[in-house]
PDB file of all heavy atoms in Angstrom:
ATOM      1  N   MET A   1       4.037   1.398   6.737  1.00  0.00           N
ATOM      2  CA  MET A   1       3.412   0.828   5.540  1.00  0.00           C
ATOM      3  C   MET A   1       3.365  -0.694   5.627  1.00  0.00           C
ATOM      4  O   MET A   1       2.358  -1.319   5.257  1.00  0.00           O
ATOM      5  CB  MET A   1       4.156   1.285   4.285  1.00  0.00           C
ATOM      6  CG  MET A   1       3.938   2.749   3.963  1.00  0.00           C
ATOM      7  SD  MET A   1       4.846   3.273   2.492  1.00  0.00           S
ATOM      8  CE  MET A   1       6.082   4.328   3.240  1.00  0.00           C
ATOM      9  N   HIS A   2       4.427  -1.285   6.144  1.00  0.00           N
ATOM     10  CA  HIS A   2       4.424  -2.747   6.311  1.00  0.00           C
ATOM     11  C   HIS A   2       3.388  -3.165   7.354  1.00  0.00           C
ATOM     12  O   HIS A   2       2.715  -4.193   7.181  1.00  0.00           O
ATOM     13  CB  HIS A   2       5.816  -3.228   6.713  1.00  0.00           C
ATOM     14  CG  HIS A   2       6.794  -3.251   5.584  1.00  0.00           C
ATOM     15  ND1 HIS A   2       6.638  -4.068   4.492  1.00  0.00           N
ATOM     16  CD2 HIS A   2       7.933  -2.534   5.366  1.00  0.00           C
ATOM     17  CE1 HIS A   2       7.648  -3.875   3.648  1.00  0.00           C
ATOM     18  NE2 HIS A   2       8.432  -2.945   4.154  1.00  0.00           N
ATOM     19  N   ARG A   3       3.252  -2.384   8.415  1.00  0.00           N
ATOM     20  CA  ARG A   3       2.229  -2.711   9.416  1.00  0.00           C
ATOM     21  C   ARG A   3       0.835  -2.667   8.776  1.00  0.00           C
ATOM     22  O   ARG A   3       0.000  -3.548   9.014  1.00  0.00           O
ATOM     23  CB  ARG A   3       2.302  -1.739  10.600  1.00  0.00           C
ATOM     24  CG  ARG A   3       3.586  -1.863  11.405  1.00  0.00           C
ATOM     25  CD  ARG A   3       3.488  -1.199  12.768  1.00  0.00           C
ATOM     26  NE  ARG A   3       3.202   0.225  12.713  1.00  0.00           N
ATOM     27  CZ  ARG A   3       2.092   0.793  13.190  1.00  0.00           C
ATOM     28  NH1 ARG A   3       1.136   0.043  13.732  1.00  0.00           N
ATOM     29  NH2 ARG A   3       1.933   2.099  13.114  1.00  0.00           N
ATOM     30  N   LEU A   4       0.601  -1.649   7.960  1.00  0.00           N
ATOM     31  CA  LEU A   4      -0.698  -1.543   7.290  1.00  0.00           C
ATOM     32  C   LEU A   4      -0.922  -2.685   6.304  1.00  0.00           C
ATOM     33  O   LEU A   4      -2.057  -3.146   6.134  1.00  0.00           O
ATOM     34  CB  LEU A   4      -0.805  -0.210   6.563  1.00  0.00           C
ATOM     35  CG  LEU A   4      -1.094   1.017   7.426  1.00  0.00           C
ATOM     36  CD1 LEU A   4      -1.206   2.250   6.539  1.00  0.00           C
ATOM     37  CD2 LEU A   4      -2.365   0.841   8.247  1.00  0.00           C
ATOM     38  N   LEU A   5       0.132  -3.146   5.653  1.00  0.00           N
ATOM     39  CA  LEU A   5      -0.018  -4.264   4.722  1.00  0.00           C
ATOM     40  C   LEU A   5      -0.431  -5.538   5.452  1.00  0.00           C
ATOM     41  O   LEU A   5      -1.189  -6.348   4.912  1.00  0.00           O
ATOM     42  CB  LEU A   5       1.286  -4.477   3.941  1.00  0.00           C
ATOM     43  CG  LEU A   5       1.545  -3.447   2.836  1.00  0.00           C
ATOM     44  CD1 LEU A   5       2.984  -3.530   2.351  1.00  0.00           C
ATOM     45  CD2 LEU A   5       0.584  -3.657   1.659  1.00  0.00           C
ATOM     46  N   HIS A   6       0.055  -5.719   6.678  1.00  0.00           N
ATOM     47  CA  HIS A   6      -0.394  -6.882   7.454  1.00  0.00           C
ATOM     48  C   HIS A   6      -1.860  -6.718   7.860  1.00  0.00           C
ATOM     49  O   HIS A   6      -2.631  -7.693   7.832  1.00  0.00           O
ATOM     50  CB  HIS A   6       0.494  -7.068   8.680  1.00  0.00           C
ATOM     51  CG  HIS A   6       1.742  -7.840   8.387  1.00  0.00           C
ATOM     52  ND1 HIS A   6       1.760  -9.212   8.293  1.00  0.00           N
ATOM     53  CD2 HIS A   6       3.013  -7.425   8.129  1.00  0.00           C
ATOM     54  CE1 HIS A   6       2.988  -9.623   8.005  1.00  0.00           C
ATOM     55  NE2 HIS A   6       3.758  -8.554   7.899  1.00  0.00           N
ATOM     56  N   PHE A   7      -2.240  -5.510   8.244  1.00  0.00           N
ATOM     57  CA  PHE A   7      -3.652  -5.251   8.536  1.00  0.00           C
ATOM     58  C   PHE A   7      -4.508  -5.513   7.295  1.00  0.00           C
ATOM     59  O   PHE A   7      -5.563  -6.153   7.370  1.00  0.00           O
ATOM     60  CB  PHE A   7      -3.819  -3.806   9.010  1.00  0.00           C
ATOM     61  CG  PHE A   7      -5.253  -3.356   9.110  1.00  0.00           C
ATOM     62  CD1 PHE A   7      -6.108  -3.919  10.052  1.00  0.00           C
ATOM     63  CD2 PHE A   7      -5.751  -2.381   8.265  1.00  0.00           C
ATOM     64  CE1 PHE A   7      -7.432  -3.507  10.151  1.00  0.00           C
ATOM     65  CE2 PHE A   7      -7.074  -1.962   8.347  1.00  0.00           C
ATOM     66  CZ  PHE A   7      -7.921  -2.532   9.287  1.00  0.00           C
ATOM     67  N   ALA A   8      -4.034  -5.027   6.150  1.00  0.00           N
ATOM     68  CA  ALA A   8      -4.772  -5.231   4.902  1.00  0.00           C
ATOM     69  C   ALA A   8      -4.891  -6.706   4.559  1.00  0.00           C
ATOM     70  O   ALA A   8      -5.914  -7.149   4.013  1.00  0.00           O
ATOM     71  CB  ALA A   8      -4.088  -4.467   3.768  1.00  0.00           C
ATOM     72  N   LYS A   9      -3.867  -7.493   4.872  1.00  0.00           N
ATOM     73  CA  LYS A   9      -3.929  -8.936   4.629  1.00  0.00           C
ATOM     74  C   LYS A   9      -5.077  -9.554   5.425  1.00  0.00           C
ATOM     75  O   LYS A   9      -5.828 -10.401   4.909  1.00  0.00           O
ATOM     76  CB  LYS A   9      -2.606  -9.600   5.006  1.00  0.00           C
ATOM     77  CG  LYS A   9      -2.572 -11.116   4.788  1.00  0.00           C
ATOM     78  CD  LYS A   9      -1.196 -11.675   5.118  1.00  0.00           C
ATOM     79  CE  LYS A   9      -1.149 -13.181   4.903  1.00  0.00           C
ATOM     80  NZ  LYS A   9      -1.979 -13.892   5.917  1.00  0.00           N
ATOM     81  N   ASP A  10      -5.235  -9.133   6.672  1.00  0.00           N
ATOM     82  CA  ASP A  10      -6.334  -9.646   7.492  1.00  0.00           C
ATOM     83  C   ASP A  10      -7.695  -9.307   6.885  1.00  0.00           C
ATOM     84  O   ASP A  10      -8.673 -10.023   7.100  1.00  0.00           O
ATOM     85  CB  ASP A  10      -6.262  -9.062   8.905  1.00  0.00           C
ATOM     86  CG  ASP A  10      -5.190  -9.712   9.754  1.00  0.00           C
ATOM     87  OD1 ASP A  10      -4.614 -10.740   9.314  1.00  0.00           O
ATOM     88  OD2 ASP A  10      -4.921  -9.201  10.859  1.00  0.00           O
ATOM     89  N   GLN A  11      -7.737  -8.204   6.136  1.00  0.00           N
ATOM     90  CA  GLN A  11      -8.990  -7.752   5.533  1.00  0.00           C
ATOM     91  C   GLN A  11      -9.146  -8.218   4.084  1.00  0.00           C
ATOM     92  O   GLN A  11     -10.118  -7.850   3.412  1.00  0.00           O
ATOM     93  CB  GLN A  11      -9.065  -6.218   5.581  1.00  0.00           C
ATOM     94  CG  GLN A  11      -8.834  -5.610   6.943  1.00  0.00           C
ATOM     95  CD  GLN A  11      -9.828  -6.084   7.973  1.00  0.00           C
ATOM     96  OE1 GLN A  11     -11.030  -6.098   7.725  1.00  0.00           O
ATOM     97  NE2 GLN A  11      -9.345  -6.496   9.140  1.00  0.00           N
ATOM     98  N   GLY A  12      -8.188  -9.000   3.593  1.00  0.00           N
ATOM     99  CA  GLY A  12      -8.256  -9.474   2.221  1.00  0.00           C
ATOM    100  C   GLY A  12      -7.988  -8.399   1.186  1.00  0.00           C
ATOM    101  O   GLY A  12      -8.416  -8.530   0.031  1.00  0.00           O
ATOM    102  N   ARG A  13      -7.241  -7.342   1.562  1.00  0.00           N
ATOM    103  CA  ARG A  13      -6.987  -6.223   0.641  1.00  0.00           C
ATOM    104  C   ARG A  13      -5.496  -5.921   0.512  1.00  0.00           C
ATOM    105  O   ARG A  13      -5.109  -4.820   0.118  1.00  0.00           O
ATOM    106  CB  ARG A  13      -7.715  -4.962   1.130  1.00  0.00           C
ATOM    107  CG  ARG A  13      -9.181  -5.122   1.445  1.00  0.00           C
ATOM    108  CD  ARG A  13      -9.992  -5.580   0.246  1.00  0.00           C
ATOM    109  NE  ARG A  13     -10.043  -4.561  -0.804  1.00  0.00           N
ATOM    110  CZ  ARG A  13     -10.625  -4.748  -1.976  1.00  0.00           C
ATOM    111  NH1 ARG A  13     -11.184  -5.919  -2.263  1.00  0.00           N
ATOM    112  NH2 ARG A  13     -10.644  -3.782  -2.872  1.00  0.00           N
ATOM    113  N   GLN A  14      -4.645  -6.899   0.790  1.00  0.00           N
ATOM    114  CA  GLN A  14      -3.205  -6.642   0.790  1.00  0.00           C
ATOM    115  C   GLN A  14      -2.667  -6.273  -0.591  1.00  0.00           C
ATOM    116  O   GLN A  14      -1.916  -5.307  -0.747  1.00  0.00           O
ATOM    117  CB  GLN A  14      -2.456  -7.870   1.329  1.00  0.00           C
ATOM    118  CG  GLN A  14      -0.964  -7.629   1.533  1.00  0.00           C
ATOM    119  CD  GLN A  14      -0.240  -8.888   1.965  1.00  0.00           C
ATOM    120  OE1 GLN A  14      -0.359  -9.929   1.312  1.00  0.00           O
ATOM    121  NE2 GLN A  14       0.495  -8.815   3.053  1.00  0.00           N
ATOM    122  N   GLU A  15      -3.047  -7.036  -1.592  1.00  0.00           N
ATOM    123  CA  GLU A  15      -2.555  -6.789  -2.947  1.00  0.00           C
ATOM    124  C   GLU A  15      -2.963  -5.391  -3.425  1.00  0.00           C
ATOM    125  O   GLU A  15      -2.165  -4.672  -4.023  1.00  0.00           O
ATOM    126  CB  GLU A  15      -3.120  -7.845  -3.902  1.00  0.00           C
ATOM    127  CG  GLU A  15      -2.596  -7.748  -5.331  1.00  0.00           C
ATOM    128  CD  GLU A  15      -1.325  -8.548  -5.530  1.00  0.00           C
ATOM    129  OE1 GLU A  15      -0.978  -9.336  -4.631  1.00  0.00           O
ATOM    130  OE2 GLU A  15      -0.696  -8.379  -6.592  1.00  0.00           O
ATOM    131  N   GLN A  16      -4.198  -5.016  -3.144  1.00  0.00           N
ATOM    132  CA  GLN A  16      -4.694  -3.710  -3.576  1.00  0.00           C
ATOM    133  C   GLN A  16      -3.907  -2.581  -2.913  1.00  0.00           C
ATOM    134  O   GLN A  16      -3.538  -1.596  -3.572  1.00  0.00           O
ATOM    135  CB  GLN A  16      -6.183  -3.563  -3.252  1.00  0.00           C
ATOM    136  CG  GLN A  16      -7.086  -4.489  -4.059  1.00  0.00           C
ATOM    137  CD  GLN A  16      -7.248  -5.874  -3.436  1.00  0.00           C
ATOM    138  OE1 GLN A  16      -6.473  -6.277  -2.578  1.00  0.00           O
ATOM    139  NE2 GLN A  16      -8.271  -6.585  -3.868  1.00  0.00           N
ATOM    140  N   LEU A  17      -3.638  -2.717  -1.622  1.00  0.00           N
ATOM    141  CA  LEU A  17      -2.901  -1.671  -0.920  1.00  0.00           C
ATOM    142  C   LEU A  17      -1.454  -1.605  -1.396  1.00  0.00           C
ATOM    143  O   LEU A  17      -0.907  -0.513  -1.595  1.00  0.00           O
ATOM    144  CB  LEU A  17      -2.945  -1.907   0.590  1.00  0.00           C
ATOM    145  CG  LEU A  17      -2.172  -0.881   1.431  1.00  0.00           C
ATOM    146  CD1 LEU A  17      -2.675   0.537   1.176  1.00  0.00           C
ATOM    147  CD2 LEU A  17      -2.254  -1.228   2.911  1.00  0.00           C
ATOM    148  N   LEU A  18      -0.827  -2.749  -1.596  1.00  0.00           N
ATOM    149  CA  LEU A  18       0.563  -2.738  -2.045  1.00  0.00           C
ATOM    150  C   LEU A  18       0.705  -2.030  -3.384  1.00  0.00           C
ATOM    151  O   LEU A  18       1.614  -1.215  -3.578  1.00  0.00           O
ATOM    152  CB  LEU A  18       1.090  -4.169  -2.144  1.00  0.00           C
ATOM    153  CG  LEU A  18       2.557  -4.302  -2.570  1.00  0.00           C
ATOM    154  CD1 LEU A  18       3.488  -3.618  -1.568  1.00  0.00           C
ATOM    155  CD2 LEU A  18       2.947  -5.770  -2.713  1.00  0.00           C
ATOM    156  N   ASP A  19      -0.181  -2.326  -4.318  1.00  0.00           N
ATOM    157  CA  ASP A  19      -0.105  -1.674  -5.629  1.00  0.00           C
ATOM    158  C   ASP A  19      -0.242  -0.153  -5.492  1.00  0.00           C
ATOM    159  O   ASP A  19       0.472   0.606  -6.165  1.00  0.00           O
ATOM    160  CB  ASP A  19      -1.196  -2.215  -6.555  1.00  0.00           C
ATOM    161  CG  ASP A  19      -0.874  -3.595  -7.104  1.00  0.00           C
ATOM    162  OD1 ASP A  19       0.313  -3.968  -7.108  1.00  0.00           O
ATOM    163  OD2 ASP A  19      -1.808  -4.298  -7.529  1.00  0.00           O
ATOM    164  N   LEU A  20      -1.138   0.292  -4.624  1.00  0.00           N
ATOM    165  CA  LEU A  20      -1.333   1.725  -4.433  1.00  0.00           C
ATOM    166  C   LEU A  20      -0.125   2.368  -3.763  1.00  0.00           C
ATOM    167  O   LEU A  20       0.268   3.497  -4.104  1.00  0.00           O
ATOM    168  CB  LEU A  20      -2.596   1.978  -3.614  1.00  0.00           C
ATOM    169  CG  LEU A  20      -3.916   1.723  -4.350  1.00  0.00           C
ATOM    170  CD1 LEU A  20      -5.078   1.744  -3.373  1.00  0.00           C
ATOM    171  CD2 LEU A  20      -4.126   2.765  -5.446  1.00  0.00           C
ATOM    172  N   LEU A  21       0.481   1.668  -2.810  1.00  0.00           N
ATOM    173  CA  LEU A  21       1.677   2.198  -2.148  1.00  0.00           C
ATOM    174  C   LEU A  21       2.841   2.316  -3.122  1.00  0.00           C
ATOM    175  O   LEU A  21       3.564   3.323  -3.136  1.00  0.00           O
ATOM    176  CB  LEU A  21       2.057   1.312  -0.963  1.00  0.00           C
ATOM    177  CG  LEU A  21       1.144   1.374   0.255  1.00  0.00           C
ATOM    178  CD1 LEU A  21       1.518   0.284   1.250  1.00  0.00           C
ATOM    179  CD2 LEU A  21       1.211   2.748   0.923  1.00  0.00           C
ATOM    180  N   TYR A  22       3.035   1.286  -3.940  1.00  0.00           N
ATOM    181  CA  TYR A  22       4.105   1.348  -4.936  1.00  0.00           C
ATOM    182  C   TYR A  22       3.900   2.537  -5.875  1.00  0.00           C
ATOM    183  O   TYR A  22       4.827   3.308  -6.131  1.00  0.00           O
ATOM    184  CB  TYR A  22       4.138   0.062  -5.758  1.00  0.00           C
ATOM    185  CG  TYR A  22       4.961  -1.058  -5.177  1.00  0.00           C
ATOM    186  CD1 TYR A  22       4.529  -2.388  -5.275  1.00  0.00           C
ATOM    187  CD2 TYR A  22       6.186  -0.825  -4.574  1.00  0.00           C
ATOM    188  CE1 TYR A  22       5.279  -3.437  -4.769  1.00  0.00           C
ATOM    189  CE2 TYR A  22       6.943  -1.860  -4.058  1.00  0.00           C
ATOM    190  CZ  TYR A  22       6.489  -3.159  -4.163  1.00  0.00           C
ATOM    191  OH  TYR A  22       7.243  -4.191  -3.666  1.00  0.00           O
ATOM    192  N   ARG A  23       2.706   2.652  -6.398  1.00  0.00           N
ATOM    193  CA  ARG A  23       2.452   3.736  -7.346  1.00  0.00           C
ATOM    194  C   ARG A  23       2.635   5.098  -6.683  1.00  0.00           C
ATOM    195  O   ARG A  23       3.218   6.013  -7.266  1.00  0.00           O
ATOM    196  CB  ARG A  23       1.044   3.619  -7.942  1.00  0.00           C
ATOM    197  CG  ARG A  23       0.748   4.764  -8.900  1.00  0.00           C
ATOM    198  CD  ARG A  23      -0.506   4.605  -9.711  1.00  0.00           C
ATOM    199  NE  ARG A  23      -0.687   5.777 -10.551  1.00  0.00           N
ATOM    200  CZ  ARG A  23      -0.050   5.983 -11.705  1.00  0.00           C
ATOM    201  NH1 ARG A  23       0.796   5.061 -12.159  1.00  0.00           N
ATOM    202  NH2 ARG A  23      -0.254   7.091 -12.391  1.00  0.00           N
ATOM    203  N   ALA A  24       2.130   5.236  -5.477  1.00  0.00           N
ATOM    204  CA  ALA A  24       2.257   6.510  -4.777  1.00  0.00           C
ATOM    205  C   ALA A  24       3.724   6.869  -4.548  1.00  0.00           C
ATOM    206  O   ALA A  24       4.126   8.029  -4.714  1.00  0.00           O
ATOM    207  CB  ALA A  24       1.512   6.447  -3.444  1.00  0.00           C
ATOM    208  N   ASN A  25       4.526   5.879  -4.171  1.00  0.00           N
ATOM    209  CA  ASN A  25       5.932   6.155  -3.877  1.00  0.00           C
ATOM    210  C   ASN A  25       6.741   6.446  -5.126  1.00  0.00           C
ATOM    211  O   ASN A  25       7.583   7.354  -5.144  1.00  0.00           O
ATOM    212  CB  ASN A  25       6.550   4.989  -3.109  1.00  0.00           C
ATOM    213  CG  ASN A  25       7.994   5.275  -2.718  1.00  0.00           C
ATOM    214  OD1 ASN A  25       8.309   6.362  -2.245  1.00  0.00           O
ATOM    215  ND2 ASN A  25       8.863   4.306  -2.911  1.00  0.00           N
ATOM    216  N   PHE A  26       6.512   5.672  -6.178  1.00  0.00           N
ATOM    217  CA  PHE A  26       7.383   5.785  -7.356  1.00  0.00           C
ATOM    218  C   PHE A  26       6.836   6.674  -8.467  1.00  0.00           C
ATOM    219  O   PHE A  26       7.618   7.127  -9.308  1.00  0.00           O
ATOM    220  CB  PHE A  26       7.674   4.388  -7.910  1.00  0.00           C
ATOM    221  CG  PHE A  26       8.578   3.586  -7.038  1.00  0.00           C
ATOM    222  CD1 PHE A  26       8.073   2.522  -6.298  1.00  0.00           C
ATOM    223  CD2 PHE A  26       9.922   3.900  -6.915  1.00  0.00           C
ATOM    224  CE1 PHE A  26       8.904   1.788  -5.458  1.00  0.00           C
ATOM    225  CE2 PHE A  26      10.763   3.171  -6.080  1.00  0.00           C
ATOM    226  CZ  PHE A  26      10.251   2.122  -5.348  1.00  0.00           C
ATOM    227  N   ALA A  27       5.541   6.928  -8.477  1.00  0.00           N
ATOM    228  CA  ALA A  27       4.972   7.636  -9.629  1.00  0.00           C
ATOM    229  C   ALA A  27       4.245   8.929  -9.297  1.00  0.00           C
ATOM    230  O   ALA A  27       4.017   9.744 -10.195  1.00  0.00           O
ATOM    231  CB  ALA A  27       4.016   6.701 -10.383  1.00  0.00           C
ATOM    232  N   GLU A  28       3.888   9.124  -8.036  1.00  0.00           N
ATOM    233  CA  GLU A  28       3.084  10.292  -7.691  1.00  0.00           C
ATOM    234  C   GLU A  28       3.902  11.309  -6.908  1.00  0.00           C
ATOM    235  O   GLU A  28       4.908  10.979  -6.289  1.00  0.00           O
ATOM    236  CB  GLU A  28       1.846   9.852  -6.909  1.00  0.00           C
ATOM    237  CG  GLU A  28       0.938   8.943  -7.734  1.00  0.00           C
ATOM    238  CD  GLU A  28      -0.258   8.421  -6.960  1.00  0.00           C
ATOM    239  OE1 GLU A  28      -0.421   8.793  -5.768  1.00  0.00           O
ATOM    240  OE2 GLU A  28      -1.032   7.634  -7.537  1.00  0.00           O
ATOM    241  N   GLU A  29       3.442  12.552  -6.940  1.00  0.00           N
ATOM    242  CA  GLU A  29       4.223  13.656  -6.381  1.00  0.00           C
ATOM    243  C   GLU A  29       4.172  13.712  -4.861  1.00  0.00           C
ATOM    244  O   GLU A  29       5.183  13.975  -4.219  1.00  0.00           O
ATOM    245  CB  GLU A  29       3.727  14.980  -6.972  1.00  0.00           C
ATOM    246  CG  GLU A  29       4.567  16.179  -6.565  1.00  0.00           C
ATOM    247  CD  GLU A  29       4.188  17.436  -7.315  1.00  0.00           C
ATOM    248  OE1 GLU A  29       3.386  17.347  -8.269  1.00  0.00           O
ATOM    249  OE2 GLU A  29       4.675  18.511  -6.933  1.00  0.00           O
ATOM    250  N   ARG A  30       3.023  13.472  -4.287  1.00  0.00           N
ATOM    251  CA  ARG A  30       2.887  13.595  -2.831  1.00  0.00           C
ATOM    252  C   ARG A  30       3.587  12.450  -2.117  1.00  0.00           C
ATOM    253  O   ARG A  30       3.427  11.280  -2.472  1.00  0.00           O
ATOM    254  CB  ARG A  30       1.406  13.626  -2.452  1.00  0.00           C
ATOM    255  CG  ARG A  30       1.163  13.873  -0.970  1.00  0.00           C
ATOM    256  CD  ARG A  30      -0.324  13.970  -0.697  1.00  0.00           C
ATOM    257  NE  ARG A  30      -0.595  13.971   0.732  1.00  0.00           N
ATOM    258  CZ  ARG A  30      -1.814  13.893   1.241  1.00  0.00           C
ATOM    259  NH1 ARG A  30      -2.872  13.810   0.430  1.00  0.00           N
ATOM    260  NH2 ARG A  30      -1.995  13.890   2.554  1.00  0.00           N
ATOM    261  N   SER A  31       4.355  12.781  -1.102  1.00  0.00           N
ATOM    262  CA  SER A  31       5.142  11.788  -0.381  1.00  0.00           C
ATOM    263  C   SER A  31       4.261  10.831   0.412  1.00  0.00           C
ATOM    264  O   SER A  31       3.171  11.190   0.881  1.00  0.00           O
ATOM    265  CB  SER A  31       6.112  12.489   0.568  1.00  0.00           C
ATOM    266  OG  SER A  31       6.841  11.543   1.338  1.00  0.00           O
ATOM    267  N   VAL A  32       4.759   9.613   0.579  1.00  0.00           N
ATOM    268  CA  VAL A  32       4.081   8.634   1.430  1.00  0.00           C
ATOM    269  C   VAL A  32       4.749   8.535   2.798  1.00  0.00           C
ATOM    270  O   VAL A  32       4.311   7.755   3.646  1.00  0.00           O
ATOM    271  CB  VAL A  32       4.065   7.230   0.767  1.00  0.00           C
ATOM    272  CG1 VAL A  32       3.233   7.233  -0.491  1.00  0.00           C
ATOM    273  CG2 VAL A  32       5.489   6.739   0.482  1.00  0.00           C
TER     274      VAL A  32
END
């Protein structure tokens, strides 16, 4: 996930991915 966040930073989408990862891990049923 951290590797993907660095990739997302290069694409200008880091904040968006981090928010989705947090929600998926803490609020959603399917594992990340």
